[in-house]
Amino acid sequence: MVIGFSIALIVFSVLLMMLVLMHKGKGGGLSDMFGGGMQSSVGGSSVAERNLDRITIVIGLLWFACIIALGVLMKLDS
């Protein structure tokens, strides 16, 4: 069971990194390093940007749940 949650944690970590890097930069910070500052700013968020936000939040919550589950499982094993 611990191995399953560990693998899920690795997968969610990689997905979370990719999703965060896919977000459009708001100006300043590290997003400009990847070319985020060169894009023209559109008045509001597009549907794709909102969906990307939602997916990122869901993956982040699943990542957090995996960490909690691993902590509980390791506590019970000892």
PDB file of N, CA and C in Angstrom:
ATOM      1  N   MET A   1       0.818  -1.190   0.000  1.00  0.00           N
ATOM      2  CA  MET A   1       0.000   0.000   0.000  1.00  0.00           C
ATOM      3  C   MET A   1       0.870   1.265   0.000  1.00  0.00           C
ATOM      4  N   VAL A   2       1.961   1.214   0.772  1.00  0.00           N
ATOM      5  CA  VAL A   2       2.861   2.364   0.823  1.00  0.00           C
ATOM      6  C   VAL A   2       3.509   2.582  -0.535  1.00  0.00           C
ATOM      7  N   ILE A   3       3.849   1.489  -1.211  1.00  0.00           N
ATOM      8  CA  ILE A   3       4.482   1.614  -2.534  1.00  0.00           C
ATOM      9  C   ILE A   3       3.516   2.259  -3.528  1.00  0.00           C
ATOM     10  N   GLY A   4       2.248   1.896  -3.458  1.00  0.00           N
ATOM     11  CA  GLY A   4       1.245   2.488  -4.351  1.00  0.00           C
ATOM     12  C   GLY A   4       1.106   3.978  -4.140  1.00  0.00           C
ATOM     13  N   PHE A   5       1.041   4.395  -2.869  1.00  0.00           N
ATOM     14  CA  PHE A   5       0.941   5.831  -2.577  1.00  0.00           C
ATOM     15  C   PHE A   5       2.231   6.565  -2.946  1.00  0.00           C
ATOM     16  N   SER A   6       3.371   5.901  -2.811  1.00  0.00           N
ATOM     17  CA  SER A   6       4.640   6.528  -3.189  1.00  0.00           C
ATOM     18  C   SER A   6       4.705   6.764  -4.694  1.00  0.00           C
ATOM     19  N   ILE A   7       4.259   5.777  -5.457  1.00  0.00           N
ATOM     20  CA  ILE A   7       4.235   5.937  -6.916  1.00  0.00           C
ATOM     21  C   ILE A   7       3.253   7.032  -7.314  1.00  0.00           C
ATOM     22  N   ALA A   8       2.076   7.047  -6.666  1.00  0.00           N
ATOM     23  CA  ALA A   8       1.086   8.092  -6.954  1.00  0.00           C
ATOM     24  C   ALA A   8       1.643   9.466  -6.616  1.00  0.00           C
ATOM     25  N   LEU A   9       2.398   9.569  -5.522  1.00  0.00           N
ATOM     26  CA  LEU A   9       2.985  10.847  -5.129  1.00  0.00           C
ATOM     27  C   LEU A   9       3.989  11.333  -6.165  1.00  0.00           C
ATOM     28  N   ILE A  10       4.791  10.422  -6.692  1.00  0.00           N
ATOM     29  CA  ILE A  10       5.754  10.796  -7.738  1.00  0.00           C
ATOM     30  C   ILE A  10       5.033  11.275  -8.989  1.00  0.00           C
ATOM     31  N   VAL A  11       3.993  10.550  -9.390  1.00  0.00           N
ATOM     32  CA  VAL A  11       3.236  10.924 -10.596  1.00  0.00           C
ATOM     33  C   VAL A  11       2.563  12.288 -10.399  1.00  0.00           C
ATOM     34  N   PHE A  12       1.915  12.486  -9.241  1.00  0.00           N
ATOM     35  CA  PHE A  12       1.254  13.762  -8.979  1.00  0.00           C
ATOM     36  C   PHE A  12       2.264  14.899  -8.887  1.00  0.00           C
ATOM     37  N   SER A  13       3.455  14.635  -8.376  1.00  0.00           N
ATOM     38  CA  SER A  13       4.485  15.676  -8.287  1.00  0.00           C
ATOM     39  C   SER A  13       4.921  16.128  -9.670  1.00  0.00           C
ATOM     40  N   VAL A  14       5.141  15.179 -10.567  1.00  0.00           N
ATOM     41  CA  VAL A  14       5.550  15.525 -11.940  1.00  0.00           C
ATOM     42  C   VAL A  14       4.423  16.275 -12.654  1.00  0.00           C
ATOM     43  N   LEU A  15       3.193  15.794 -12.498  1.00  0.00           N
ATOM     44  CA  LEU A  15       2.063  16.479 -13.121  1.00  0.00           C
ATOM     45  C   LEU A  15       1.906  17.903 -12.594  1.00  0.00           C
ATOM     46  N   LEU A  16       2.084  18.065 -11.288  1.00  0.00           N
ATOM     47  CA  LEU A  16       1.951  19.394 -10.686  1.00  0.00           C
ATOM     48  C   LEU A  16       3.016  20.348 -11.207  1.00  0.00           C
ATOM     49  N   MET A  17       4.243  19.855 -11.355  1.00  0.00           N
ATOM     50  CA  MET A  17       5.303  20.709 -11.912  1.00  0.00           C
ATOM     51  C   MET A  17       4.965  21.140 -13.331  1.00  0.00           C
ATOM     52  N   MET A  18       4.508  20.198 -14.158  1.00  0.00           N
ATOM     53  CA  MET A  18       4.180  20.530 -15.546  1.00  0.00           C
ATOM     54  C   MET A  18       3.011  21.504 -15.616  1.00  0.00           C
ATOM     55  N   LEU A  19       1.993  21.293 -14.784  1.00  0.00           N
ATOM     56  CA  LEU A  19       0.835  22.185 -14.816  1.00  0.00           C
ATOM     57  C   LEU A  19       1.188  23.591 -14.361  1.00  0.00           C
ATOM     58  N   VAL A  20       2.020  23.720 -13.343  1.00  0.00           N
ATOM     59  CA  VAL A  20       2.418  25.055 -12.871  1.00  0.00           C
ATOM     60  C   VAL A  20       3.227  25.774 -13.943  1.00  0.00           C
ATOM     61  N   LEU A  21       4.099  25.044 -14.630  1.00  0.00           N
ATOM     62  CA  LEU A  21       4.894  25.681 -15.689  1.00  0.00           C
ATOM     63  C   LEU A  21       4.053  26.054 -16.911  1.00  0.00           C
ATOM     64  N   MET A  22       2.909  25.414 -17.082  1.00  0.00           N
ATOM     65  CA  MET A  22       2.036  25.726 -18.220  1.00  0.00           C
ATOM     66  C   MET A  22       1.225  27.000 -18.003  1.00  0.00           C
ATOM     67  N   HIS A  23       1.103  27.463 -16.771  1.00  0.00           N
ATOM     68  CA  HIS A  23       0.315  28.659 -16.489  1.00  0.00           C
ATOM     69  C   HIS A  23       0.938  29.885 -17.144  1.00  0.00           C
ATOM     70  N   LYS A  24       0.073  30.794 -17.516  1.00  0.00           N
ATOM     71  CA  LYS A  24       0.522  32.041 -18.130  1.00  0.00           C
ATOM     72  C   LYS A  24       1.070  32.949 -17.048  1.00  0.00           C
ATOM     73  N   GLY A  25       2.205  33.554 -17.314  1.00  0.00           N
ATOM     74  CA  GLY A  25       2.830  34.434 -16.342  1.00  0.00           C
ATOM     75  C   GLY A  25       2.042  35.708 -16.140  1.00  0.00           C
ATOM     76  N   LYS A  26       2.025  36.199 -14.930  1.00  0.00           N
ATOM     77  CA  LYS A  26       1.324  37.445 -14.615  1.00  0.00           C
ATOM     78  C   LYS A  26       2.280  38.635 -14.611  1.00  0.00           C
ATOM     79  N   GLY A  27       3.518  38.407 -15.012  1.00  0.00           N
ATOM     80  CA  GLY A  27       4.505  39.476 -15.032  1.00  0.00           C
ATOM     81  C   GLY A  27       5.391  39.421 -13.808  1.00  0.00           C
ATOM     82  N   GLY A  28       6.692  39.538 -14.026  1.00  0.00           N
ATOM     83  CA  GLY A  28       7.634  39.480 -12.921  1.00  0.00           C
ATOM     84  C   GLY A  28       7.851  38.050 -12.467  1.00  0.00           C
ATOM     85  N   GLY A  29       8.877  37.835 -11.703  1.00  0.00           N
ATOM     86  CA  GLY A  29       9.135  36.511 -11.146  1.00  0.00           C
ATOM     87  C   GLY A  29       9.767  35.567 -12.146  1.00  0.00           C
ATOM     88  N   LEU A  30       9.680  34.307 -11.825  1.00  0.00           N
ATOM     89  CA  LEU A  30      10.329  33.292 -12.649  1.00  0.00           C
ATOM     90  C   LEU A  30       9.603  33.013 -13.958  1.00  0.00           C
ATOM     91  N   SER A  31       8.328  33.408 -14.056  1.00  0.00           N
ATOM     92  CA  SER A  31       7.599  33.129 -15.292  1.00  0.00           C
ATOM     93  C   SER A  31       8.183  33.900 -16.474  1.00  0.00           C
ATOM     94  N   ASP A  32       8.799  35.058 -16.223  1.00  0.00           N
ATOM     95  CA  ASP A  32       9.433  35.810 -17.307  1.00  0.00           C
ATOM     96  C   ASP A  32      10.642  35.070 -17.869  1.00  0.00           C
ATOM     97  N   MET A  33      11.274  34.273 -17.052  1.00  0.00           N
ATOM     98  CA  MET A  33      12.449  33.530 -17.501  1.00  0.00           C
ATOM     99  C   MET A  33      12.078  32.540 -18.606  1.00  0.00           C
ATOM    100  N   PHE A  34      10.850  32.041 -18.581  1.00  0.00           N
ATOM    101  CA  PHE A  34      10.398  31.076 -19.582  1.00  0.00           C
ATOM    102  C   PHE A  34       9.637  31.736 -20.711  1.00  0.00           C
ATOM    103  N   GLY A  35       9.672  33.038 -20.822  1.00  0.00           N
ATOM    104  CA  GLY A  35       9.017  33.746 -21.916  1.00  0.00           C
ATOM    105  C   GLY A  35       7.604  34.188 -21.598  1.00  0.00           C
ATOM    106  N   GLY A  36       7.179  34.098 -20.354  1.00  0.00           N
ATOM    107  CA  GLY A  36       5.823  34.489 -19.985  1.00  0.00           C
ATOM    108  C   GLY A  36       5.581  35.979 -20.090  1.00  0.00           C
ATOM    109  N   GLY A  37       6.613  36.779 -19.960  1.00  0.00           N
ATOM    110  CA  GLY A  37       6.450  38.222 -20.012  1.00  0.00           C
ATOM    111  C   GLY A  37       6.299  38.755 -21.412  1.00  0.00           C
ATOM    112  N   MET A  38       6.569  37.960 -22.417  1.00  0.00           N
ATOM    113  CA  MET A  38       6.512  38.416 -23.791  1.00  0.00           C
ATOM    114  C   MET A  38       5.120  38.279 -24.394  1.00  0.00           C
ATOM    115  N   GLN A  39       4.216  37.625 -23.700  1.00  0.00           N
ATOM    116  CA  GLN A  39       2.877  37.435 -24.236  1.00  0.00           C
ATOM    117  C   GLN A  39       2.049  38.686 -23.999  1.00  0.00           C
ATOM    118  N   SER A  40       1.129  38.934 -24.908  1.00  0.00           N
ATOM    119  CA  SER A  40       0.251  40.080 -24.714  1.00  0.00           C
ATOM    120  C   SER A  40      -0.809  39.725 -23.684  1.00  0.00           C
ATOM    121  N   SER A  41      -1.144  40.698 -22.849  1.00  0.00           N
ATOM    122  CA  SER A  41      -2.137  40.406 -21.815  1.00  0.00           C
ATOM    123  C   SER A  41      -3.525  40.640 -22.385  1.00  0.00           C
ATOM    124  N   VAL A  42      -4.372  39.656 -22.230  1.00  0.00           N
ATOM    125  CA  VAL A  42      -5.751  39.739 -22.688  1.00  0.00           C
ATOM    126  C   VAL A  42      -6.587  40.122 -21.479  1.00  0.00           C
ATOM    127  N   GLY A  43      -7.703  40.783 -21.696  1.00  0.00           N
ATOM    128  CA  GLY A  43      -8.513  41.310 -20.618  1.00  0.00           C
ATOM    129  C   GLY A  43      -8.863  40.340 -19.508  1.00  0.00           C
ATOM    130  N   GLY A  44      -9.251  39.121 -19.814  1.00  0.00           N
ATOM    131  CA  GLY A  44      -9.663  38.180 -18.776  1.00  0.00           C
ATOM    132  C   GLY A  44      -9.053  36.817 -19.011  1.00  0.00           C
ATOM    133  N   SER A  45      -9.449  35.909 -18.178  1.00  0.00           N
ATOM    134  CA  SER A  45      -8.957  34.550 -18.317  1.00  0.00           C
ATOM    135  C   SER A  45      -9.773  33.824 -19.368  1.00  0.00           C
ATOM    136  N   SER A  46      -9.099  33.060 -20.170  1.00  0.00           N
ATOM    137  CA  SER A  46      -9.813  32.266 -21.158  1.00  0.00           C
ATOM    138  C   SER A  46     -10.337  31.005 -20.489  1.00  0.00           C
ATOM    139  N   VAL A  47     -11.168  30.282 -21.193  1.00  0.00           N
ATOM    140  CA  VAL A  47     -11.720  29.035 -20.666  1.00  0.00           C
ATOM    141  C   VAL A  47     -10.605  28.034 -20.422  1.00  0.00           C
ATOM    142  N   ALA A  48      -9.642  27.996 -21.310  1.00  0.00           N
ATOM    143  CA  ALA A  48      -8.527  27.057 -21.148  1.00  0.00           C
ATOM    144  C   ALA A  48      -7.721  27.386 -19.896  1.00  0.00           C
ATOM    145  N   GLU A  49      -7.518  28.655 -19.630  1.00  0.00           N
ATOM    146  CA  GLU A  49      -6.759  29.071 -18.437  1.00  0.00           C
ATOM    147  C   GLU A  49      -7.515  28.725 -17.157  1.00  0.00           C
ATOM    148  N   ARG A  50      -8.827  28.919 -17.172  1.00  0.00           N
ATOM    149  CA  ARG A  50      -9.631  28.558 -15.996  1.00  0.00           C
ATOM    150  C   ARG A  50      -9.630  27.054 -15.772  1.00  0.00           C
ATOM    151  N   ASN A  51      -9.731  26.278 -16.851  1.00  0.00           N
ATOM    152  CA  ASN A  51      -9.683  24.826 -16.719  1.00  0.00           C
ATOM    153  C   ASN A  51      -8.314  24.371 -16.214  1.00  0.00           C
ATOM    154  N   LEU A  52      -7.257  25.010 -16.679  1.00  0.00           N
ATOM    155  CA  LEU A  52      -5.917  24.687 -16.209  1.00  0.00           C
ATOM    156  C   LEU A  52      -5.790  24.986 -14.717  1.00  0.00           C
ATOM    157  N   ASP A  53      -6.399  26.079 -14.276  1.00  0.00           N
ATOM    158  CA  ASP A  53      -6.410  26.407 -12.843  1.00  0.00           C
ATOM    159  C   ASP A  53      -7.122  25.322 -12.044  1.00  0.00           C
ATOM    160  N   ARG A  54      -8.270  24.892 -12.531  1.00  0.00           N
ATOM    161  CA  ARG A  54      -9.048  23.860 -11.825  1.00  0.00           C
ATOM    162  C   ARG A  54      -8.292  22.543 -11.762  1.00  0.00           C
ATOM    163  N   ILE A  55      -7.691  22.148 -12.870  1.00  0.00           N
ATOM    164  CA  ILE A  55      -6.941  20.886 -12.903  1.00  0.00           C
ATOM    165  C   ILE A  55      -5.752  20.960 -11.950  1.00  0.00           C
ATOM    166  N   THR A  56      -5.080  22.114 -11.919  1.00  0.00           N
ATOM    167  CA  THR A  56      -3.939  22.285 -11.028  1.00  0.00           C
ATOM    168  C   THR A  56      -4.367  22.172  -9.562  1.00  0.00           C
ATOM    169  N   ILE A  57      -5.501  22.749  -9.222  1.00  0.00           N
ATOM    170  CA  ILE A  57      -5.998  22.669  -7.846  1.00  0.00           C
ATOM    171  C   ILE A  57      -6.341  21.235  -7.474  1.00  0.00           C
ATOM    172  N   VAL A  58      -6.994  20.506  -8.380  1.00  0.00           N
ATOM    173  CA  VAL A  58      -7.366  19.113  -8.104  1.00  0.00           C
ATOM    174  C   VAL A  58      -6.120  18.248  -7.922  1.00  0.00           C
ATOM    175  N   ILE A  59      -5.141  18.407  -8.809  1.00  0.00           N
ATOM    176  CA  ILE A  59      -3.906  17.625  -8.698  1.00  0.00           C
ATOM    177  C   ILE A  59      -3.161  18.002  -7.415  1.00  0.00           C
ATOM    178  N   GLY A  60      -3.174  19.274  -7.047  1.00  0.00           N
ATOM    179  CA  GLY A  60      -2.547  19.702  -5.803  1.00  0.00           C
ATOM    180  C   GLY A  60      -3.207  19.085  -4.578  1.00  0.00           C
ATOM    181  N   LEU A  61      -4.533  19.005  -4.590  1.00  0.00           N
ATOM    182  CA  LEU A  61      -5.246  18.368  -3.480  1.00  0.00           C
ATOM    183  C   LEU A  61      -4.963  16.871  -3.412  1.00  0.00           C
ATOM    184  N   LEU A  62      -4.903  16.218  -4.574  1.00  0.00           N
ATOM    185  CA  LEU A  62      -4.559  14.790  -4.595  1.00  0.00           C
ATOM    186  C   LEU A  62      -3.134  14.561  -4.099  1.00  0.00           C
ATOM    187  N   TRP A  63      -2.213  15.461  -4.461  1.00  0.00           N
ATOM    188  CA  TRP A  63      -0.826  15.381  -3.994  1.00  0.00           C
ATOM    189  C   TRP A  63      -0.775  15.500  -2.477  1.00  0.00           C
ATOM    190  N   PHE A  64      -1.533  16.455  -1.939  1.00  0.00           N
ATOM    191  CA  PHE A  64      -1.585  16.656  -0.482  1.00  0.00           C
ATOM    192  C   PHE A  64      -2.200  15.439   0.218  1.00  0.00           C
ATOM    193  N   ALA A  65      -3.251  14.867  -0.375  1.00  0.00           N
ATOM    194  CA  ALA A  65      -3.890  13.681   0.200  1.00  0.00           C
ATOM    195  C   ALA A  65      -2.929  12.491   0.220  1.00  0.00           C
ATOM    196  N   CYS A  66      -2.114  12.353  -0.829  1.00  0.00           N
ATOM    197  CA  CYS A  66      -1.118  11.274  -0.866  1.00  0.00           C
ATOM    198  C   CYS A  66      -0.089  11.442   0.248  1.00  0.00           C
ATOM    199  N   ILE A  67       0.334  12.668   0.503  1.00  0.00           N
ATOM    200  CA  ILE A  67       1.302  12.914   1.570  1.00  0.00           C
ATOM    201  C   ILE A  67       0.702  12.559   2.930  1.00  0.00           C
ATOM    202  N   ILE A  68      -0.549  12.967   3.154  1.00  0.00           N
ATOM    203  CA  ILE A  68      -1.217  12.646   4.420  1.00  0.00           C
ATOM    204  C   ILE A  68      -1.379  11.132   4.564  1.00  0.00           C
ATOM    205  N   ALA A  69      -1.814  10.457   3.506  1.00  0.00           N
ATOM    206  CA  ALA A  69      -2.007   9.006   3.558  1.00  0.00           C
ATOM    207  C   ALA A  69      -0.688   8.283   3.816  1.00  0.00           C
ATOM    208  N   LEU A  70       0.375   8.729   3.169  1.00  0.00           N
ATOM    209  CA  LEU A  70       1.684   8.108   3.410  1.00  0.00           C
ATOM    210  C   LEU A  70       2.139   8.319   4.846  1.00  0.00           C
ATOM    211  N   GLY A  71       1.903   9.500   5.390  1.00  0.00           N
ATOM    212  CA  GLY A  71       2.269   9.767   6.778  1.00  0.00           C
ATOM    213  C   GLY A  71       1.515   8.875   7.753  1.00  0.00           C
ATOM    214  N   VAL A  72       0.217   8.712   7.500  1.00  0.00           N
ATOM    215  CA  VAL A  72      -0.601   7.866   8.376  1.00  0.00           C
ATOM    216  C   VAL A  72      -0.173   6.412   8.258  1.00  0.00           C
ATOM    217  N   LEU A  73       0.065   5.950   7.034  1.00  0.00           N
ATOM    218  CA  LEU A  73       0.475   4.555   6.835  1.00  0.00           C
ATOM    219  C   LEU A  73       1.833   4.275   7.476  1.00  0.00           C
ATOM    220  N   MET A  74       2.751   5.177   7.372  1.00  0.00           N
ATOM    221  CA  MET A  74       4.069   4.975   7.969  1.00  0.00           C
ATOM    222  C   MET A  74       3.997   5.042   9.494  1.00  0.00           C
ATOM    223  N   LYS A  75       3.107   5.875   9.999  1.00  0.00           N
ATOM    224  CA  LYS A  75       2.914   5.953  11.452  1.00  0.00           C
ATOM    225  C   LYS A  75       2.326   4.637  11.988  1.00  0.00           C
ATOM    226  N   LEU A  76       1.388   4.045  11.237  1.00  0.00           N
ATOM    227  CA  LEU A  76       0.755   2.804  11.656  1.00  0.00           C
ATOM    228  C   LEU A  76       1.700   1.606  11.529  1.00  0.00           C
ATOM    229  N   ASP A  77       2.631   1.657  10.580  1.00  0.00           N
ATOM    230  CA  ASP A  77       3.585   0.547  10.390  1.00  0.00           C
ATOM    231  C   ASP A  77       4.601   0.468  11.517  1.00  0.00           C
ATOM    232  N   SER A  78       4.912   1.594  12.136  1.00  0.00           N
ATOM    233  CA  SER A  78       5.950   1.569  13.169  1.00  0.00           C
ATOM    234  C   SER A  78       5.422   1.292  14.552  1.00  0.00           C
TER     235      SER A  78
END
